[in-house]
Amino acid sequence: MNTKRILYIAFFAFLGAMTYFLVNHAWEGSWVTKKQFTETLAGSAQVFPIPIDPEAEFPHSIDLQMKGQVNGQALVGFGWTDSTAYVMDTVGNDFEIEHQTDWYNDTCYIFYRSLGSTAGELTVDCKIYSSKK
């Protein structure tokens, strides 16, 4: 058997073994908490908590999309506690906000605060990436 052929066989055997390992073992430890909801908004401040799933621990990042409409202006944002916002955006009429960032808290709190709006709707699509317990 020639040396080149042996090297090709060894390379593809190694590649196959690595692919098998990655597919069957490398992603066992990850978990994605997925939450989608729509809320009717009023003139008062509202907070919507999104906890990670019980199967998850050690969150590390978040993909968050908030969209909807308000009749006037409002603040929409998210944060680590139910009283402290990390990011707040001023919105009016139809809006769509996306955030992708590092995230290390077990709960994401979505905030709505009216700046004169009296009604609206907020749709949230949230993915929190964590380790699996």
Protein backbone atom coordinates (compact mmCIF):
# COMPACT_ATOMS: atom_id res chain seq x y z
CA MET A 1 0.00 0.00 0.00
CA ASN A 2 1.41 3.39 -0.82
CA THR A 3 2.09 6.00 1.90
CA LYS A 4 -0.17 8.66 0.41
CA ARG A 5 -3.16 6.31 0.48
CA ILE A 6 -2.48 5.38 4.12
CA LEU A 7 -2.31 9.06 5.07
CA TYR A 8 -5.67 9.72 3.34
CA ILE A 9 -7.31 6.80 5.16
CA ALA A 10 -5.88 7.93 8.50
CA PHE A 11 -6.98 11.54 7.90
CA PHE A 12 -10.57 10.59 7.02
CA ALA A 13 -10.77 8.13 9.93
CA PHE A 14 -9.65 10.93 12.27
CA LEU A 15 -12.13 13.37 10.70
CA GLY A 16 -14.95 10.85 11.10
CA ALA A 17 -14.06 10.19 14.74
CA MET A 18 -13.97 13.93 15.52
CA THR A 19 -17.33 14.49 13.79
CA TYR A 20 -18.88 11.62 15.76
CA PHE A 21 -17.53 13.05 19.03
CA LEU A 22 -18.75 16.59 18.34
CA VAL A 23 -22.22 15.50 17.28
CA ASN A 24 -22.71 13.13 20.20
CA HIS A 25 -20.88 14.86 23.05
CA ALA A 26 -19.90 18.46 22.57
CA TRP A 27 -23.41 19.98 22.66
CA GLU A 28 -24.75 17.84 25.50
CA GLY A 29 -24.01 20.60 27.97
CA SER A 30 -25.93 23.45 26.36
CA TRP A 31 -29.51 24.58 26.87
CA VAL A 32 -31.70 27.28 25.34
CA THR A 33 -34.61 28.75 27.28
CA LYS A 34 -37.15 29.96 24.72
CA LYS A 35 -40.03 32.22 25.73
CA GLN A 36 -42.54 33.98 23.50
CA PHE A 37 -45.48 36.01 24.71
CA THR A 38 -47.70 38.95 23.86
CA GLU A 39 -48.98 41.40 26.47
CA THR A 40 -51.59 44.15 26.29
CA LEU A 41 -50.07 47.39 27.56
CA ALA A 42 -51.82 50.04 29.63
CA GLY A 43 -50.83 53.46 30.93
CA SER A 44 -49.10 52.06 34.01
CA ALA A 45 -45.61 50.59 34.36
CA GLN A 46 -45.36 46.82 33.85
CA VAL A 47 -42.62 44.22 34.42
CA PHE A 48 -42.55 40.76 32.82
CA PRO A 49 -40.02 38.23 34.26
CA ILE A 50 -38.49 35.53 32.04
CA PRO A 51 -36.69 32.91 34.19
CA ILE A 52 -34.39 30.28 32.72
CA ASP A 53 -35.74 26.74 32.54
CA PRO A 54 -35.23 24.45 35.57
CA GLU A 55 -32.94 22.27 33.40
CA ALA A 56 -30.56 25.21 32.81
CA GLU A 57 -27.78 26.83 34.81
CA PHE A 58 -25.01 29.36 34.24
CA PRO A 59 -26.60 31.55 31.53
CA HIS A 60 -24.10 33.26 29.24
CA SER A 61 -25.94 35.11 26.45
CA ILE A 62 -29.33 36.32 25.30
CA ASP A 63 -31.15 37.02 22.03
CA LEU A 64 -34.09 39.30 22.65
CA GLN A 65 -36.64 40.73 20.23
CA MET A 66 -39.36 43.11 21.40
CA LYS A 67 -41.90 44.46 18.95
CA GLY A 68 -45.33 45.96 19.07
CA GLN A 69 -47.17 49.23 19.02
CA VAL A 70 -48.10 51.98 21.46
CA ASN A 71 -50.36 54.99 20.99
CA GLY A 72 -47.85 57.63 22.01
CA GLN A 73 -44.44 57.13 23.55
CA ALA A 74 -43.12 54.63 26.07
CA LEU A 75 -39.93 53.12 27.43
CA VAL A 76 -39.32 49.44 26.66
CA GLY A 77 -36.29 47.62 27.97
CA PHE A 78 -34.81 44.75 29.92
CA GLY A 79 -32.69 44.21 33.01
CA TRP A 80 -31.29 41.91 35.70
CA THR A 81 -33.75 42.80 38.47
CA ASP A 82 -37.39 43.79 38.59
CA SER A 83 -36.38 47.36 39.46
CA THR A 84 -33.20 48.05 37.46
CA ALA A 85 -33.08 48.27 33.68
CA TYR A 86 -29.93 47.34 31.75
CA VAL A 87 -31.22 48.82 28.46
CA MET A 88 -34.23 51.11 27.91
CA ASP A 89 -35.38 52.30 24.48
CA THR A 90 -37.87 55.09 23.82
CA VAL A 91 -40.50 53.81 21.40
CA GLY A 92 -43.52 55.25 19.66
CA ASN A 93 -46.19 53.90 17.36
CA ASP A 94 -44.90 50.66 15.76
CA PHE A 95 -41.52 49.47 17.02
CA GLU A 96 -39.10 46.56 16.78
CA ILE A 97 -36.03 46.23 19.00
CA GLU A 98 -33.39 43.50 18.94
CA HIS A 99 -30.59 42.87 21.43
CA GLN A 100 -27.93 40.16 21.39
CA THR A 101 -25.55 40.38 24.31
CA ASP A 102 -23.77 38.55 27.11
CA TRP A 103 -26.17 37.57 29.89
CA TYR A 104 -25.28 36.07 33.27
CA ASN A 105 -28.52 36.30 35.27
CA ASP A 106 -31.08 33.54 35.84
CA THR A 107 -33.98 35.87 34.98
CA CYS A 108 -34.48 38.58 32.37
CA TYR A 109 -37.00 41.26 33.31
CA ILE A 110 -38.83 43.07 30.50
CA PHE A 111 -39.90 46.63 31.34
CA TYR A 112 -42.65 48.85 29.97
CA ARG A 113 -43.11 52.42 31.21
CA SER A 114 -45.58 54.82 29.67
CA LEU A 115 -44.40 58.25 28.54
CA GLY A 116 -47.92 59.34 27.70
CA SER A 117 -49.15 56.24 25.89
CA THR A 118 -52.36 54.77 27.23
CA ALA A 119 -52.57 51.49 25.31
CA GLY A 120 -50.57 49.14 23.14
CA GLU A 121 -49.24 45.66 22.64
CA LEU A 122 -45.83 44.12 23.23
CA THR A 123 -44.61 40.84 21.73
CA VAL A 124 -41.42 39.36 23.21
CA ASP A 125 -39.28 36.58 21.72
CA CYS A 126 -36.45 35.68 24.11
CA LYS A 127 -33.73 33.04 23.98
CA ILE A 128 -31.38 32.67 26.94
CA TYR A 129 -28.38 30.42 26.28
CA SER A 130 -27.11 28.43 29.28
CA SER A 131 -25.40 25.25 30.35
CA LYS A 132 -27.50 22.17 30.94
CA LYS A 133 -27.69 20.91 34.55
